[in-house]
Amino acid sequence: MESVEENYPDLVEEAATVSWDDLSVTSNPAELRGICRYLSGVSDDEGLNEIQRKVRTGDVEWYLNALLVVRGVKDTEGA
């Protein structure tokens, strides 16, 4: 499988400059619960608003990588 960086170089370059002011945490319940697998201190049985709040306290680049993994665009080795 080719890497996200190879397939979407413009997206990766743009993502490097993204901040929380530029995007919102997903409101998709399945994606949020999937992200919980990779974020310590967050349980997938917490409320969605609480999960979003905790995710937003973290690093944007980490969040984007985790979201790509959860969506199946990127494997965990490349995260």
Foldseek 3Di string as FASTA:
>chain_A
DDACCVVPVVVVVVQVPDACVRDFQDQPLQLLQQLVVVDPPDHSPDDSVVSRVVVNVDDSVVSVVSSCCSVVNHPPVVD
